[in-house]
């Protein structure tokens, strides 16, 4: 006799709300230091939300004068996993025969 999942009594308890932090500008000057400060609280929940102050602007970490972006050509037929597996197999066979 099979039982349906509808026959079981499940007690669902929703998880607690994740904490939301809204630091002041002075607290958030050292943002990594602030994260370390609230770490113990956030670890208890596994996640938290930090709303930065309105006047906070993250530094741009990329030097746009030195960055080089090389686009690559990607054939649409190579996006499927089956095709990639086939191409990898053929590549391995070719390497085997080169020995």
N, C-alpha and C. Protein backbone atom coordinates (compact mmCIF):
# COMPACT_ATOMS: atom_id res chain seq x y z
N UNK A 1 0.84 -1.18 0.00
CA UNK A 1 0.00 0.00 0.00
C UNK A 1 0.89 1.24 0.00
N UNK A 2 0.65 2.12 -0.95
CA UNK A 2 1.44 3.34 -1.02
C UNK A 2 0.70 4.46 -0.32
N UNK A 3 1.47 5.36 0.22
CA UNK A 3 0.87 6.51 0.90
C UNK A 3 1.22 7.77 0.15
N UNK A 4 0.30 8.66 0.12
CA UNK A 4 0.50 9.92 -0.56
C UNK A 4 1.15 10.91 0.41
N UNK A 5 1.86 11.88 -0.15
CA UNK A 5 2.46 12.89 0.71
C UNK A 5 1.39 13.76 1.37
N UNK A 6 0.16 13.70 0.87
CA UNK A 6 -0.93 14.48 1.47
C UNK A 6 -1.39 13.89 2.80
N UNK A 7 -1.06 12.61 3.04
CA UNK A 7 -1.50 11.96 4.26
C UNK A 7 -0.61 12.28 5.45
N UNK A 8 0.55 12.85 5.22
CA UNK A 8 1.45 13.19 6.31
C UNK A 8 1.14 14.58 6.83
N UNK A 9 1.37 14.76 8.10
CA UNK A 9 1.16 16.06 8.73
C UNK A 9 2.51 16.74 8.85
N UNK A 10 2.72 17.77 8.05
CA UNK A 10 3.97 18.50 8.06
C UNK A 10 3.80 19.76 8.89
N UNK A 11 4.74 19.98 9.77
CA UNK A 11 4.74 21.23 10.54
C UNK A 11 5.82 22.11 9.94
N UNK A 12 5.41 23.05 9.11
CA UNK A 12 6.37 23.96 8.49
C UNK A 12 6.55 25.16 9.38
N UNK A 13 7.79 25.41 9.69
CA UNK A 13 8.13 26.59 10.49
C UNK A 13 8.98 27.49 9.61
N UNK A 14 8.48 28.65 9.21
CA UNK A 14 9.27 29.51 8.33
C UNK A 14 10.55 29.97 9.03
N UNK A 15 11.61 30.11 8.26
CA UNK A 15 12.87 30.56 8.87
C UNK A 15 12.76 31.99 9.35
N UNK A 16 13.61 32.38 10.29
CA UNK A 16 13.56 33.76 10.77
C UNK A 16 14.01 34.73 9.68
N UNK A 17 13.51 35.93 9.77
CA UNK A 17 13.90 36.98 8.83
C UNK A 17 15.40 37.26 8.96
N UNK A 18 16.04 37.50 7.84
CA UNK A 18 17.46 37.83 7.85
C UNK A 18 17.63 39.25 8.40
N UNK A 19 18.69 39.49 9.16
CA UNK A 19 18.88 40.83 9.70
C UNK A 19 19.26 41.83 8.60
N UNK A 20 18.80 43.06 8.78
CA UNK A 20 19.10 44.15 7.85
C UNK A 20 19.87 45.21 8.63
N UNK A 21 21.02 45.58 8.10
CA UNK A 21 21.88 46.57 8.74
C UNK A 21 21.89 47.84 7.90
N UNK A 22 21.76 48.98 8.57
CA UNK A 22 21.81 50.30 7.91
C UNK A 22 22.85 51.15 8.62
N UNK A 23 24.13 50.96 8.29
CA UNK A 23 25.17 51.70 8.99
C UNK A 23 25.18 53.19 8.62
N UNK A 24 25.67 53.98 9.53
CA UNK A 24 25.85 55.41 9.27
C UNK A 24 27.14 55.60 8.48
N UNK A 25 27.31 56.77 7.90
CA UNK A 25 28.48 57.06 7.08
C UNK A 25 29.78 56.83 7.83
N UNK A 26 29.82 57.25 9.08
CA UNK A 26 31.03 57.10 9.89
C UNK A 26 31.36 55.63 10.12
N UNK A 27 30.34 54.81 10.38
CA UNK A 27 30.57 53.39 10.60
C UNK A 27 31.04 52.68 9.33
N UNK A 28 30.56 53.17 8.18
CA UNK A 28 30.79 52.48 6.92
C UNK A 28 32.00 52.99 6.16
N UNK A 29 32.80 53.90 6.77
CA UNK A 29 34.01 54.36 6.10
C UNK A 29 34.93 53.19 5.78
N UNK A 30 35.05 52.29 6.72
CA UNK A 30 35.81 51.05 6.50
C UNK A 30 34.77 49.94 6.36
N UNK A 31 34.33 49.70 5.12
CA UNK A 31 33.22 48.76 4.92
C UNK A 31 33.61 47.33 5.30
N UNK A 32 34.84 46.91 5.03
CA UNK A 32 35.25 45.56 5.43
C UNK A 32 35.33 45.44 6.95
N UNK A 33 35.75 46.49 7.60
CA UNK A 33 35.76 46.51 9.06
C UNK A 33 34.36 46.41 9.62
N UNK A 34 33.41 47.08 8.98
CA UNK A 34 32.01 47.02 9.41
C UNK A 34 31.46 45.59 9.24
N UNK A 35 31.78 44.97 8.11
CA UNK A 35 31.31 43.61 7.88
C UNK A 35 31.89 42.67 8.94
N UNK A 36 33.14 42.86 9.30
CA UNK A 36 33.74 42.04 10.35
C UNK A 36 33.05 42.30 11.69
N UNK A 37 32.62 43.51 11.91
CA UNK A 37 31.95 43.88 13.16
C UNK A 37 30.60 43.17 13.30
N UNK A 38 29.85 43.05 12.21
CA UNK A 38 28.52 42.43 12.26
C UNK A 38 28.55 40.93 11.93
N UNK A 39 29.72 40.42 11.68
CA UNK A 39 29.87 39.03 11.22
C UNK A 39 29.22 38.02 12.16
N UNK A 40 29.44 38.15 13.45
CA UNK A 40 28.90 37.19 14.43
C UNK A 40 27.37 37.13 14.36
N UNK A 41 26.74 38.27 14.19
CA UNK A 41 25.27 38.31 14.10
C UNK A 41 24.81 37.67 12.80
N UNK A 42 25.45 38.04 11.69
CA UNK A 42 25.04 37.55 10.38
C UNK A 42 25.27 36.05 10.24
N UNK A 43 26.33 35.53 10.85
CA UNK A 43 26.62 34.09 10.74
C UNK A 43 25.52 33.24 11.34
N UNK A 44 24.83 33.75 12.32
CA UNK A 44 23.74 32.99 12.93
C UNK A 44 22.58 32.77 11.95
N UNK A 45 22.44 33.65 10.97
CA UNK A 45 21.35 33.55 10.00
C UNK A 45 21.82 32.99 8.66
N UNK A 46 23.10 33.07 8.38
CA UNK A 46 23.62 32.58 7.11
C UNK A 46 23.57 33.62 6.02
N UNK A 47 22.86 34.70 6.26
CA UNK A 47 22.73 35.77 5.26
C UNK A 47 22.30 37.04 5.98
N UNK A 48 22.64 38.17 5.40
CA UNK A 48 22.17 39.45 5.94
C UNK A 48 22.12 40.44 4.79
N UNK A 49 21.49 41.56 5.04
CA UNK A 49 21.41 42.63 4.05
C UNK A 49 22.02 43.88 4.66
N UNK A 50 22.92 44.49 3.92
CA UNK A 50 23.53 45.74 4.37
C UNK A 50 23.10 46.84 3.41
N UNK A 51 22.43 47.83 3.94
CA UNK A 51 22.03 48.99 3.14
C UNK A 51 23.05 50.08 3.38
N UNK A 52 23.88 50.38 2.39
CA UNK A 52 24.93 51.38 2.62
C UNK A 52 24.33 52.78 2.76
N UNK A 53 25.08 53.68 3.38
CA UNK A 53 24.59 55.06 3.50
C UNK A 53 24.39 55.68 2.11
N UNK A 54 23.51 56.66 2.03
CA UNK A 54 23.20 57.31 0.74
C UNK A 54 24.43 57.96 0.11
N UNK A 55 25.32 58.48 0.95
CA UNK A 55 26.48 59.19 0.40
C UNK A 55 27.67 58.27 0.10
N UNK A 56 27.52 56.97 0.32
CA UNK A 56 28.62 56.04 0.08
C UNK A 56 28.72 55.71 -1.40
N UNK A 57 29.91 55.81 -1.95
CA UNK A 57 30.18 55.48 -3.34
C UNK A 57 31.31 54.47 -3.37
N UNK A 58 31.06 53.27 -3.90
CA UNK A 58 32.13 52.27 -3.93
C UNK A 58 33.24 52.70 -4.88
N UNK A 59 34.48 52.41 -4.54
CA UNK A 59 35.57 52.75 -5.45
C UNK A 59 35.53 51.85 -6.68
N UNK A 60 35.89 52.42 -7.81
CA UNK A 60 35.95 51.63 -9.03
C UNK A 60 37.31 50.96 -9.07
N UNK A 61 37.34 49.63 -9.02
CA UNK A 61 38.58 48.90 -8.83
C UNK A 61 39.33 48.58 -10.12
N UNK A 62 38.76 48.88 -11.27
CA UNK A 62 39.40 48.53 -12.54
C UNK A 62 40.00 49.79 -13.16
N UNK A 63 41.25 49.69 -13.58
CA UNK A 63 41.89 50.80 -14.27
C UNK A 63 41.49 50.73 -15.73
N UNK A 64 40.60 51.61 -16.15
CA UNK A 64 40.05 51.52 -17.51
C UNK A 64 41.09 51.82 -18.59
N UNK A 65 42.20 52.43 -18.21
CA UNK A 65 43.25 52.70 -19.20
C UNK A 65 44.10 51.46 -19.49
N UNK A 66 44.15 50.52 -18.54
CA UNK A 66 45.00 49.34 -18.69
C UNK A 66 44.22 48.07 -19.00
N UNK A 67 42.92 48.09 -18.84
CA UNK A 67 42.15 46.87 -19.04
C UNK A 67 42.05 46.53 -20.52
N UNK A 68 42.19 45.24 -20.80
CA UNK A 68 42.03 44.75 -22.17
C UNK A 68 41.00 43.64 -22.13
N UNK A 69 40.06 43.73 -23.00
CA UNK A 69 39.01 42.73 -23.09
C UNK A 69 39.09 42.09 -24.46
N UNK A 70 39.34 40.79 -24.47
CA UNK A 70 39.44 40.07 -25.73
C UNK A 70 38.19 39.23 -25.91
N UNK A 71 37.32 39.60 -26.83
CA UNK A 71 36.12 38.79 -27.04
C UNK A 71 36.48 37.49 -27.74
N UNK A 72 35.71 36.48 -27.53
CA UNK A 72 35.95 35.21 -28.20
C UNK A 72 34.74 34.83 -29.03
N UNK A 73 35.00 34.09 -30.06
CA UNK A 73 33.92 33.62 -30.92
C UNK A 73 33.41 32.32 -30.33
N UNK A 74 32.14 32.27 -30.09
CA UNK A 74 31.54 31.06 -29.55
C UNK A 74 30.41 30.62 -30.47
N UNK A 75 30.57 29.48 -31.05
CA UNK A 75 29.56 28.98 -31.97
C UNK A 75 28.37 28.46 -31.18
N UNK A 76 27.17 28.82 -31.63
CA UNK A 76 25.98 28.45 -30.89
C UNK A 76 25.80 26.94 -30.79
N UNK A 77 26.25 26.20 -31.79
CA UNK A 77 26.08 24.76 -31.72
C UNK A 77 26.99 24.10 -30.68
N UNK A 78 27.98 24.83 -30.18
CA UNK A 78 28.87 24.29 -29.16
C UNK A 78 28.38 24.58 -27.75
N UNK A 79 27.24 25.21 -27.61
CA UNK A 79 26.72 25.53 -26.29
C UNK A 79 26.06 24.32 -25.63
N UNK A 80 25.57 23.38 -26.40
CA UNK A 80 24.91 22.22 -25.84
C UNK A 80 25.94 21.32 -25.17
N UNK A 81 25.57 20.73 -24.05
CA UNK A 81 26.48 19.86 -23.31
C UNK A 81 26.84 18.63 -24.15
N UNK A 82 25.89 18.09 -24.89
CA UNK A 82 26.16 16.90 -25.70
C UNK A 82 27.25 17.19 -26.74
N UNK A 83 27.17 18.34 -27.37
CA UNK A 83 28.16 18.70 -28.37
C UNK A 83 29.52 18.89 -27.72
N UNK A 84 29.56 19.53 -26.54
CA UNK A 84 30.83 19.71 -25.84
C UNK A 84 31.46 18.38 -25.47
N UNK A 85 30.64 17.45 -25.00
CA UNK A 85 31.15 16.13 -24.64
C UNK A 85 31.73 15.45 -25.88
N UNK A 86 31.01 15.55 -26.99
CA UNK A 86 31.47 14.94 -28.24
C UNK A 86 32.79 15.57 -28.68
N UNK A 87 32.89 16.90 -28.61
CA UNK A 87 34.12 17.58 -29.01
C UNK A 87 35.29 17.21 -28.09
N UNK A 88 35.03 17.10 -26.79
CA UNK A 88 36.07 16.69 -25.85
C UNK A 88 36.55 15.27 -26.16
N UNK A 89 35.60 14.38 -26.47
CA UNK A 89 35.95 13.01 -26.81
C UNK A 89 36.81 12.96 -28.06
N UNK A 90 36.41 13.69 -29.10
CA UNK A 90 37.18 13.70 -30.34
C UNK A 90 38.57 14.28 -30.13
N UNK A 91 38.66 15.28 -29.27
CA UNK A 91 39.95 15.88 -28.95
C UNK A 91 40.86 14.86 -28.24
N UNK A 92 40.28 14.10 -27.32
CA UNK A 92 41.06 13.09 -26.61
C UNK A 92 41.50 11.97 -27.54
N UNK A 93 40.65 11.58 -28.48
CA UNK A 93 41.03 10.55 -29.45
C UNK A 93 42.18 11.05 -30.33
N UNK A 94 42.10 12.29 -30.75
CA UNK A 94 43.17 12.86 -31.59
C UNK A 94 44.48 12.90 -30.80
N UNK A 95 44.43 13.28 -29.53
CA UNK A 95 45.65 13.31 -28.72
C UNK A 95 46.21 11.90 -28.52
N UNK A 96 45.31 10.91 -28.38
CA UNK A 96 45.74 9.53 -28.22
C UNK A 96 46.51 9.07 -29.45
N UNK A 97 46.03 9.37 -30.63
CA UNK A 97 46.67 8.91 -31.86
C UNK A 97 47.96 9.67 -32.17
N UNK A 98 48.14 10.83 -31.52
CA UNK A 98 49.39 11.55 -31.70
C UNK A 98 50.54 10.88 -30.98
N UNK A 99 50.25 10.07 -29.96
CA UNK A 99 51.30 9.40 -29.19
C UNK A 99 51.98 8.39 -30.00
